[in-house]
N, C-alpha and C. Protein backbone atom coordinates (compact mmCIF):
# COMPACT_ATOMS: atom_id res chain seq x y z
N UNK A 1 100.89 103.44 52.26
CA UNK A 1 99.76 103.87 51.19
C UNK A 1 98.61 102.42 51.23
N UNK A 2 99.63 101.34 51.02
CA UNK A 2 98.92 100.05 50.70
C UNK A 2 98.01 99.94 52.11
N UNK A 3 98.56 100.19 53.20
CA UNK A 3 97.76 99.92 54.26
C UNK A 3 96.27 100.65 54.52
N UNK A 4 96.33 101.96 53.98
CA UNK A 4 95.56 102.77 54.19
C UNK A 4 94.22 102.34 53.21
N UNK A 5 94.79 101.99 52.01
CA UNK A 5 93.81 101.50 51.00
C UNK A 5 93.13 100.16 51.25
N UNK A 6 93.99 99.54 52.15
CA UNK A 6 93.37 98.14 52.60
C UNK A 6 92.34 98.32 53.89
N UNK A 7 92.66 99.38 54.44
CA UNK A 7 91.80 99.85 55.66
C UNK A 7 90.46 100.37 55.04
N UNK A 8 90.64 101.32 54.17
CA UNK A 8 89.57 101.91 53.62
C UNK A 8 88.53 100.92 52.80
N UNK A 9 89.19 100.05 52.17
CA UNK A 9 88.40 98.98 51.41
C UNK A 9 87.64 97.86 52.36
N UNK A 10 88.13 97.53 53.22
CA UNK A 10 87.78 96.64 54.52
C UNK A 10 86.47 97.45 55.01
N UNK A 11 86.84 98.77 55.44
CA UNK A 11 85.88 99.46 56.18
C UNK A 11 84.35 99.65 55.43
N UNK A 12 84.50 99.89 53.93
CA UNK A 12 83.76 100.14 52.85
C UNK A 12 82.87 98.62 52.83
N UNK A 13 83.62 97.69 52.73
CA UNK A 13 83.09 96.23 52.45
C UNK A 13 82.02 95.93 53.82
N UNK A 14 82.64 96.20 54.97
CA UNK A 14 81.82 96.35 56.24
C UNK A 14 80.48 97.01 56.34
N UNK A 15 80.77 98.24 55.97
CA UNK A 15 79.61 99.23 55.78
C UNK A 15 78.51 98.55 54.67
N UNK A 16 79.04 98.29 53.75
CA UNK A 16 78.09 97.81 52.72
C UNK A 16 77.28 96.40 53.19
N UNK A 17 78.01 95.53 53.75
CA UNK A 17 77.44 94.39 54.28
C UNK A 17 76.47 94.82 55.32
N UNK A 18 76.62 95.69 56.14
CA UNK A 18 75.48 96.24 57.23
C UNK A 18 74.63 96.77 56.50
N UNK A 19 74.72 97.57 55.48
CA UNK A 19 73.52 98.07 54.52
C UNK A 19 72.65 97.01 53.87
N UNK A 20 73.35 96.04 53.47
CA UNK A 20 72.78 94.74 52.99
C UNK A 20 71.87 94.21 53.87
N UNK A 21 72.34 93.91 55.09
CA UNK A 21 71.53 93.02 56.02
C UNK A 21 70.27 94.01 56.56
N UNK A 22 70.41 95.44 56.47
CA UNK A 22 69.39 96.37 57.03
C UNK A 22 68.31 96.33 56.14
N UNK A 23 68.78 96.17 54.83
CA UNK A 23 67.77 96.06 53.60
C UNK A 23 66.95 94.79 53.25
N UNK A 24 67.83 93.94 53.83
CA UNK A 24 67.13 92.55 53.91
C UNK A 24 66.22 92.53 55.05
N UNK A 25 66.34 93.12 56.01
CA UNK A 25 65.06 93.21 57.06
C UNK A 25 63.87 93.83 56.43
N UNK A 26 64.01 94.89 55.51
CA UNK A 26 63.01 95.81 54.87
C UNK A 26 62.39 94.84 53.89
N UNK A 27 63.23 94.12 53.07
CA UNK A 27 62.70 93.14 51.99
C UNK A 27 61.79 92.08 52.78
N UNK A 28 62.04 91.45 53.92
CA UNK A 28 61.36 90.60 54.65
C UNK A 28 59.98 91.20 55.35
N UNK A 29 60.33 92.57 55.95
CA UNK A 29 59.36 93.13 56.57
C UNK A 29 58.29 93.68 56.02
N UNK A 30 58.34 94.15 54.77
CA UNK A 30 57.74 95.10 53.49
C UNK A 30 56.28 94.75 53.66
N UNK A 31 55.66 95.80 54.05
CA UNK A 31 54.10 95.40 53.87
C UNK A 31 53.70 95.02 52.65
N UNK A 32 54.04 95.92 51.47
CA UNK A 32 53.63 95.67 50.15
C UNK A 32 54.52 94.96 49.36
N UNK A 33 54.17 94.15 48.07
CA UNK A 33 55.22 93.59 47.18
C UNK A 33 56.07 94.51 46.55
N UNK A 34 55.52 95.74 46.37
CA UNK A 34 56.28 96.72 45.61
C UNK A 34 57.61 97.09 46.59
N UNK A 35 57.43 97.17 47.96
CA UNK A 35 58.29 97.48 48.87
C UNK A 35 59.34 96.53 48.74
N UNK A 36 59.12 95.27 48.66
CA UNK A 36 59.80 94.10 48.55
C UNK A 36 60.96 94.35 47.28
N UNK A 37 60.15 94.51 46.17
CA UNK A 37 60.74 94.82 44.99
C UNK A 37 62.08 95.71 44.89
N UNK A 38 61.44 96.98 45.75
CA UNK A 38 62.52 98.03 45.82
C UNK A 38 63.73 97.54 46.67
N UNK A 39 63.33 96.74 47.74
CA UNK A 39 64.36 96.38 48.57
C UNK A 39 65.17 95.38 47.98
N UNK A 40 64.86 94.62 47.15
CA UNK A 40 65.58 93.63 46.66
C UNK A 40 66.57 94.11 45.44
N UNK A 41 66.01 95.18 44.73
CA UNK A 41 66.74 95.90 43.92
C UNK A 41 67.98 96.85 44.84
N UNK A 42 67.67 97.26 45.57
CA UNK A 42 68.71 97.93 46.70
C UNK A 42 69.72 96.94 47.02
N UNK A 43 69.15 95.81 47.40
CA UNK A 43 70.32 94.80 47.83
C UNK A 43 71.14 94.33 46.69
N UNK A 44 70.68 94.17 45.22
CA UNK A 44 71.29 93.72 44.31
C UNK A 44 72.41 95.09 43.95
N UNK A 45 71.91 96.09 44.02
CA UNK A 45 72.97 97.43 44.03
C UNK A 45 74.20 97.14 44.98
N UNK A 46 73.81 97.11 46.10
CA UNK A 46 74.92 97.00 47.10
C UNK A 46 75.73 95.73 46.99
N UNK A 47 75.21 94.45 46.50
CA UNK A 47 75.99 93.28 46.06
C UNK A 47 77.04 93.92 44.79
N UNK A 48 76.51 94.46 43.99
CA UNK A 48 77.44 95.12 42.80
C UNK A 48 78.57 95.78 43.32
N UNK A 49 77.95 96.72 44.19
CA UNK A 49 79.35 97.51 45.03
C UNK A 49 80.13 96.61 45.63
N UNK A 50 79.80 95.71 46.44
CA UNK A 50 80.54 94.82 47.14
C UNK A 50 81.58 94.05 46.23
N UNK A 51 81.03 93.53 45.07
CA UNK A 51 82.04 93.16 44.14
C UNK A 51 82.75 93.99 43.52
N UNK A 52 82.47 95.07 43.00
CA UNK A 52 83.50 96.29 42.79
C UNK A 52 84.71 96.37 43.88
N UNK A 53 84.30 96.46 45.10
CA UNK A 53 85.33 96.68 46.06
C UNK A 53 86.13 95.43 46.26
N UNK A 54 85.71 94.44 46.05
CA UNK A 54 86.27 93.09 46.26
C UNK A 54 87.32 92.88 44.98
N UNK A 55 86.85 93.59 43.91
CA UNK A 55 87.52 93.64 42.46
C UNK A 55 88.87 94.32 42.73
N UNK A 56 88.72 95.62 43.29
CA UNK A 56 89.97 96.41 43.64
C UNK A 56 90.95 95.78 44.56
N UNK A 57 89.95 95.40 45.75
CA UNK A 57 90.88 94.84 46.76
C UNK A 57 91.82 93.66 46.41
N UNK A 58 91.16 92.61 45.67
CA UNK A 58 92.08 91.68 45.11
C UNK A 58 92.73 91.74 43.96
N UNK A 59 92.31 92.64 43.03
CA UNK A 59 93.06 93.12 41.94
C UNK A 59 92.85 92.09 40.91
N UNK A 60 91.42 91.57 41.01
CA UNK A 60 90.91 90.56 39.81
C UNK A 60 89.88 91.19 39.02
N UNK A 61 90.17 91.07 37.89
CA UNK A 61 89.33 91.93 36.74
C UNK A 61 88.15 91.23 36.43
N UNK A 62 88.21 89.77 36.62
CA UNK A 62 86.86 88.94 36.21
C UNK A 62 85.73 89.29 37.07
N UNK A 63 85.96 89.71 38.44
CA UNK A 63 84.89 90.20 39.20
C UNK A 63 84.17 91.49 38.55
N UNK A 64 84.69 92.41 38.03
CA UNK A 64 84.01 93.42 37.38
C UNK A 64 83.03 92.64 36.32
N UNK A 65 83.63 91.98 35.33
CA UNK A 65 82.87 91.27 34.57
C UNK A 65 81.55 90.54 35.29
N UNK A 66 81.79 89.94 36.43
CA UNK A 66 80.52 89.13 37.14
C UNK A 66 79.52 90.19 37.57
N UNK A 67 80.29 91.48 38.18
CA UNK A 67 79.37 92.34 38.71
C UNK A 67 78.49 93.00 37.40
N UNK A 68 78.84 93.12 36.48
CA UNK A 68 78.37 93.52 35.31
C UNK A 68 77.10 92.56 34.70
N UNK A 69 77.28 91.35 34.75
CA UNK A 69 76.51 90.35 34.55
C UNK A 69 75.48 90.39 35.57
N UNK A 70 75.62 90.64 36.86
CA UNK A 70 74.79 90.26 37.91
C UNK A 70 73.96 91.70 37.89
N UNK A 71 74.27 92.87 37.31
CA UNK A 71 73.61 94.21 37.12
C UNK A 71 72.49 94.01 36.08
N UNK A 72 72.89 93.27 34.99
CA UNK A 72 72.00 93.00 34.02
C UNK A 72 70.70 92.15 34.35
N UNK A 73 71.27 91.22 35.09
CA UNK A 73 70.14 90.25 35.46
C UNK A 73 69.28 90.91 36.63
N UNK A 74 69.94 91.54 37.36
CA UNK A 74 69.08 92.38 38.46
C UNK A 74 68.19 93.30 37.94
N UNK A 75 68.39 93.92 36.77
CA UNK A 75 67.64 94.96 35.93
C UNK A 75 66.52 94.13 35.45
N UNK A 76 66.71 93.07 34.71
CA UNK A 76 65.74 92.11 34.15
C UNK A 76 64.75 91.62 35.31
N UNK A 77 65.30 91.16 36.24
CA UNK A 77 64.51 90.76 37.57
C UNK A 77 63.33 91.84 37.78
N UNK A 78 63.98 92.92 37.96
CA UNK A 78 62.82 94.14 38.32
C UNK A 78 62.03 94.22 37.31
N UNK A 79 62.64 94.39 36.26
CA UNK A 79 61.51 94.49 35.07
C UNK A 79 60.27 93.49 35.10
N UNK A 80 60.82 92.31 35.27
CA UNK A 80 59.76 91.32 35.32
C UNK A 80 58.81 91.21 36.48
N UNK A 81 59.29 91.60 37.67
CA UNK A 81 58.52 91.87 38.74
C UNK A 81 57.58 93.07 38.76
N UNK A 82 57.94 94.10 38.02
CA UNK A 82 57.35 95.08 37.86
C UNK A 82 55.98 94.81 36.87
N UNK A 83 56.30 94.07 35.91
CA UNK A 83 55.22 93.56 35.15
C UNK A 83 54.21 92.67 35.78
N UNK A 84 54.83 91.85 36.57
CA UNK A 84 53.69 91.09 37.36
C UNK A 84 53.13 91.98 38.44
N UNK A 85 53.45 93.02 39.14
CA UNK A 85 52.66 93.78 39.59
C UNK A 85 51.64 94.64 38.78
N UNK A 86 51.92 95.03 37.66
CA UNK A 86 50.94 95.67 36.98
C UNK A 86 49.98 94.85 36.56
N UNK A 87 50.23 93.48 36.11
CA UNK A 87 49.27 92.44 35.77
C UNK A 87 48.33 92.08 36.87
N UNK A 88 48.79 92.10 38.06
CA UNK A 88 47.98 91.87 39.17
C UNK A 88 47.15 93.13 39.62
N UNK A 89 47.65 94.23 39.48
CA UNK A 89 46.72 95.54 39.81
C UNK A 89 45.61 95.43 38.84
N UNK A 90 45.79 95.37 37.27
CA UNK A 90 44.97 95.25 36.33
C UNK A 90 43.84 94.22 36.73
N UNK A 91 44.20 93.08 37.11
CA UNK A 91 43.41 92.08 37.52
C UNK A 91 42.23 92.30 38.55
N UNK A 92 43.03 92.99 39.62
CA UNK A 92 42.11 93.39 40.86
C UNK A 92 41.08 94.43 40.45
N UNK A 93 41.61 95.48 39.35
CA UNK A 93 40.58 96.59 39.06
C UNK A 93 39.45 95.82 38.41
N UNK A 94 39.64 94.85 37.41
CA UNK A 94 38.69 94.28 36.59
C UNK A 94 37.95 93.63 37.30
N UNK A 95 38.28 92.70 38.50
CA UNK A 95 37.63 92.13 39.33
C UNK A 95 36.55 92.91 40.20
N UNK A 96 37.08 94.05 40.59
CA UNK A 96 36.36 95.32 41.53
C UNK A 96 34.98 95.51 40.45
N UNK A 97 35.36 95.78 39.12
CA UNK A 97 34.47 96.32 38.12
C UNK A 97 33.32 95.36 38.05
N UNK A 98 33.82 94.03 37.92
CA UNK A 98 32.74 92.96 37.66
C UNK A 98 31.75 92.79 38.86
N UNK A 99 32.52 92.99 40.18
CA UNK A 99 31.76 92.95 41.51
C UNK A 99 30.71 93.90 41.64
N UNK A 100 31.04 95.26 41.12
CA UNK A 100 30.36 96.59 41.21
C UNK A 100 29.06 96.31 40.23
N UNK A 101 29.52 95.88 38.99
CA UNK A 101 28.25 95.74 38.00
C UNK A 101 27.34 94.58 38.42
N UNK A 102 27.64 93.50 39.25
CA UNK A 102 26.97 92.56 39.63
C UNK A 102 25.99 92.90 40.78
N UNK A 103 26.59 94.02 41.30
CA UNK A 103 25.81 94.53 42.51
C UNK A 103 24.84 95.54 42.10
N UNK A 104 24.89 96.04 40.96
CA UNK A 104 24.04 97.08 40.23
C UNK A 104 24.66 98.55 40.26
N UNK A 105 25.96 98.68 40.56
CA UNK A 105 26.53 99.76 40.53
C UNK A 105 27.36 99.79 39.23
N UNK A 106 27.10 101.10 38.40
CA UNK A 106 27.86 101.18 37.20
C UNK A 106 29.23 101.95 37.36
N UNK A 107 30.20 101.25 37.04
CA UNK A 107 31.31 102.26 37.32
C UNK A 107 32.34 102.04 36.13
């Protein structure tokens, strides 16, 4: 039974590692900033899953604590990045409205 558990955990770790690599490609090549934010969020989630697998495999409880702290930090990072996107979009809209008014268009 222990051998099956070890095999399943190692296979899961390999699958998660491959998913992290595929998502990393998306994060680098993403055409928009929002695509990159989502990809980084997915990578964070997959890393948390890897930490949980490692915690079960090594029977180390402190890894669960690390995963929880990482999840909280990941959430905060996504919130901050989302706020930056919103601020950037508002600034672009205001700039477009100012340019439209300067050109004689009322919008």
